Amino acid sequence: MTLAELLVTLALIGVISTAALTVLEHGQRAWATGAALAETQQSARVALARLVADVRAAGFGGTGFDAVALAEPQRVVLQQDLDADGAITTSGERVTWRLAGSILRRDAGGGAQPIVNGVRALQLRYLDAHGAATTVPQDVRTIAVMLTIGPDGANAATPDTTMSTRIRLRNR
């Protein structure tokens, strides 16, 4: 084997190794992007499912109180009379959902617990019995929610996930 043959062989091994590592890097980046997207979608689904359950339960236990106590674009306070005493005083009877920075929080009397991180936007719209927009809490019968969540940290190139739904108050 001559020196020229050895150099050509080393050059070919270098080119093939570089191509293989490049393909491997692209595959790893695609996997990380897909995993981050799946995580943001799952986080949005979980947050919306919990919010839907709370909104549908609002107003339970009577008619002597408003199901929606506060209706703001990024915060809603929901009420239900769990112990049927006619007053909203027990822990869990008043539930607040709000966006604090990039964290969606739920407070049912034990402090504002984080539900999901990485929230880019939360938009709450309130509709009355006829489907018209309202800002009066006692007139609210449906809440339209739009939630946008993005990945944290290294996966910033992953697109944001936006989910929306309309939730009808069952007890009003």
Foldseek 3Di string as FASTA:
>chain_A
DDPVVVVVVVVVVVVVVVVVVVVVVVVVLVVVLVVQVVVLVVLVVQVVVVVLVLQQQQQAQDDLDFQWPFDDFFKTKGAYDPPNPSDGDDQQRIWMWGQDPQFIWIGRPPDTDTSDGQWPDKTKFFAFPVRDTDRDRRRGFKIKIKTWGGGDDPNNVRDIDIDIDMHGHNND
